[in-house]
């Protein structure tokens, strides 16, 4: 369901002024979002998005950490082998 366009909002404002008065109509119109209701995010929508983002970041950090550890271990092993092999020969 789409929200009202500008001309519909203006017509509603004029009708509300006729029925409620200027200040009350303005107060009521200010409480309406200028966009469609399906576009409004609720607190639970934001909480789900934050949780999803946290999970994705944690997964990426875990993968990055594992890769870094493997690279450092590989470098250390190759360094020690490079030092030990000539010493044993």
C-alpha atoms as a PDB file:
ATOM      1  CA  UNK A   1       0.000   0.000   0.000  1.00  0.00           C
ATOM      2  CA  UNK A   2       1.453   3.287  -1.072  1.00  0.00           C
ATOM      3  CA  UNK A   3       1.306   6.386   1.055  1.00  0.00           C
ATOM      4  CA  UNK A   4      -0.437   9.533  -0.089  1.00  0.00           C
ATOM      5  CA  UNK A   5       1.246  11.747  -2.651  1.00  0.00           C
ATOM      6  CA  UNK A   6       1.788  15.470  -2.054  1.00  0.00           C
ATOM      7  CA  UNK A   7      -1.533  16.577  -3.533  1.00  0.00           C
ATOM      8  CA  UNK A   8      -3.391  14.013  -1.400  1.00  0.00           C
ATOM      9  CA  UNK A   9      -1.510  15.177   1.698  1.00  0.00           C
ATOM     10  CA  UNK A  10      -2.356  18.802   0.923  1.00  0.00           C
ATOM     11  CA  UNK A  11      -6.048  17.938   0.425  1.00  0.00           C
ATOM     12  CA  UNK A  12      -6.018  16.051   3.727  1.00  0.00           C
ATOM     13  CA  UNK A  13      -4.399  19.030   5.461  1.00  0.00           C
ATOM     14  CA  UNK A  14      -7.093  21.412   4.154  1.00  0.00           C
ATOM     15  CA  UNK A  15      -9.876  19.063   5.264  1.00  0.00           C
ATOM     16  CA  UNK A  16      -8.288  18.651   8.702  1.00  0.00           C
ATOM     17  CA  UNK A  17      -8.034  22.434   9.069  1.00  0.00           C
ATOM     18  CA  UNK A  18     -11.762  22.674   8.299  1.00  0.00           C
ATOM     19  CA  UNK A  19     -12.625  19.996  10.862  1.00  0.00           C
ATOM     20  CA  UNK A  20     -10.012  20.412  13.605  1.00  0.00           C
ATOM     21  CA  UNK A  21      -8.515  23.857  13.177  1.00  0.00           C
ATOM     22  CA  UNK A  22      -5.067  25.005  12.045  1.00  0.00           C
ATOM     23  CA  UNK A  23      -2.946  23.953  15.043  1.00  0.00           C
ATOM     24  CA  UNK A  24      -4.587  20.555  15.557  1.00  0.00           C
ATOM     25  CA  UNK A  25      -4.396  19.786  11.830  1.00  0.00           C
ATOM     26  CA  UNK A  26      -0.706  20.691  11.772  1.00  0.00           C
ATOM     27  CA  UNK A  27      -0.074  18.521  14.829  1.00  0.00           C
ATOM     28  CA  UNK A  28      -1.824  15.554  13.236  1.00  0.00           C
ATOM     29  CA  UNK A  29      -0.055  16.003   9.886  1.00  0.00           C
ATOM     30  CA  UNK A  30       3.317  16.262  11.651  1.00  0.00           C
ATOM     31  CA  UNK A  31       2.689  12.850  13.194  1.00  0.00           C
ATOM     32  CA  UNK A  32       2.292  11.208   9.764  1.00  0.00           C
ATOM     33  CA  UNK A  33       5.461   9.992   8.076  1.00  0.00           C
ATOM     34  CA  UNK A  34       6.217  11.552   4.688  1.00  0.00           C
ATOM     35  CA  UNK A  35       6.825   8.062   3.215  1.00  0.00           C
ATOM     36  CA  UNK A  36       5.162   4.672   2.941  1.00  0.00           C
ATOM     37  CA  UNK A  37       4.551   2.722   6.153  1.00  0.00           C
ATOM     38  CA  UNK A  38       6.330  -0.397   4.846  1.00  0.00           C
ATOM     39  CA  UNK A  39       9.523   1.697   4.681  1.00  0.00           C
ATOM     40  CA  UNK A  40       9.406   2.450   8.404  1.00  0.00           C
ATOM     41  CA  UNK A  41      11.872   0.337  10.397  1.00  0.00           C
ATOM     42  CA  UNK A  42      10.807  -0.895  13.806  1.00  0.00           C
ATOM     43  CA  UNK A  43      13.130  -1.406  16.755  1.00  0.00           C
ATOM     44  CA  UNK A  44      13.001  -5.152  16.157  1.00  0.00           C
ATOM     45  CA  UNK A  45      13.939  -4.621  12.475  1.00  0.00           C
ATOM     46  CA  UNK A  46      16.980  -2.614  13.565  1.00  0.00           C
ATOM     47  CA  UNK A  47      17.874  -5.158  16.260  1.00  0.00           C
ATOM     48  CA  UNK A  48      17.762  -8.007  13.701  1.00  0.00           C
ATOM     49  CA  UNK A  49      19.924  -6.016  11.283  1.00  0.00           C
ATOM     50  CA  UNK A  50      22.459  -5.265  14.022  1.00  0.00           C
ATOM     51  CA  UNK A  51      22.573  -8.926  15.080  1.00  0.00           C
ATOM     52  CA  UNK A  52      23.059 -10.055  11.478  1.00  0.00           C
ATOM     53  CA  UNK A  53      25.853  -7.536  11.005  1.00  0.00           C
ATOM     54  CA  UNK A  54      27.547  -8.627  14.237  1.00  0.00           C
ATOM     55  CA  UNK A  55      27.394 -12.273  13.159  1.00  0.00           C
ATOM     56  CA  UNK A  56      28.846 -11.487   9.740  1.00  0.00           C
ATOM     57  CA  UNK A  57      31.663  -9.397  11.238  1.00  0.00           C
ATOM     58  CA  UNK A  58      32.463 -12.124  13.790  1.00  0.00           C
ATOM     59  CA  UNK A  59      32.620 -14.731  11.018  1.00  0.00           C
ATOM     60  CA  UNK A  60      34.896 -12.552   8.886  1.00  0.00           C
ATOM     61  CA  UNK A  61      37.178 -11.854  11.851  1.00  0.00           C
ATOM     62  CA  UNK A  62      37.374 -15.558  12.674  1.00  0.00           C
ATOM     63  CA  UNK A  63      38.340 -16.394   9.079  1.00  0.00           C
ATOM     64  CA  UNK A  64      40.868 -13.587   8.969  1.00  0.00           C
ATOM     65  CA  UNK A  65      42.378 -14.651  12.299  1.00  0.00           C
ATOM     66  CA  UNK A  66      42.654 -18.277  11.151  1.00  0.00           C
ATOM     67  CA  UNK A  67      44.378 -17.178   7.932  1.00  0.00           C
ATOM     68  CA  UNK A  68      46.770 -14.926   9.826  1.00  0.00           C
ATOM     69  CA  UNK A  69      47.659 -17.676  12.308  1.00  0.00           C
ATOM     70  CA  UNK A  70      48.314 -20.163   9.491  1.00  0.00           C
ATOM     71  CA  UNK A  71      50.545 -17.676   7.680  1.00  0.00           C
ATOM     72  CA  UNK A  72      52.538 -16.875  10.830  1.00  0.00           C
ATOM     73  CA  UNK A  73      52.911 -20.571  11.733  1.00  0.00           C
ATOM     74  CA  UNK A  74      53.973 -21.388   8.168  1.00  0.00           C
ATOM     75  CA  UNK A  75      56.521 -18.585   8.234  1.00  0.00           C
ATOM     76  CA  UNK A  76      57.865 -19.695  11.634  1.00  0.00           C
ATOM     77  CA  UNK A  77      58.172 -23.331  10.529  1.00  0.00           C
ATOM     78  CA  UNK A  78      59.948 -22.389   7.315  1.00  0.00           C
ATOM     79  CA  UNK A  79      62.288 -20.062   9.234  1.00  0.00           C
ATOM     80  CA  UNK A  80      63.147 -22.719  11.813  1.00  0.00           C
ATOM     81  CA  UNK A  81      63.646 -25.345   9.104  1.00  0.00           C
ATOM     82  CA  UNK A  82      65.854 -22.899   7.235  1.00  0.00           C
ATOM     83  CA  UNK A  83      67.970 -22.482  10.349  1.00  0.00           C
ATOM     84  CA  UNK A  84      67.982 -26.116  11.473  1.00  0.00           C
ATOM     85  CA  UNK A  85      68.732 -27.851   8.158  1.00  0.00           C
ATOM     86  CA  UNK A  86      72.059 -26.046   7.580  1.00  0.00           C
ATOM     87  CA  UNK A  87      73.001 -26.557  11.244  1.00  0.00           C
ATOM     88  CA  UNK A  88      72.364 -30.318  10.998  1.00  0.00           C
ATOM     89  CA  UNK A  89      74.291 -30.691   7.746  1.00  0.00           C
END
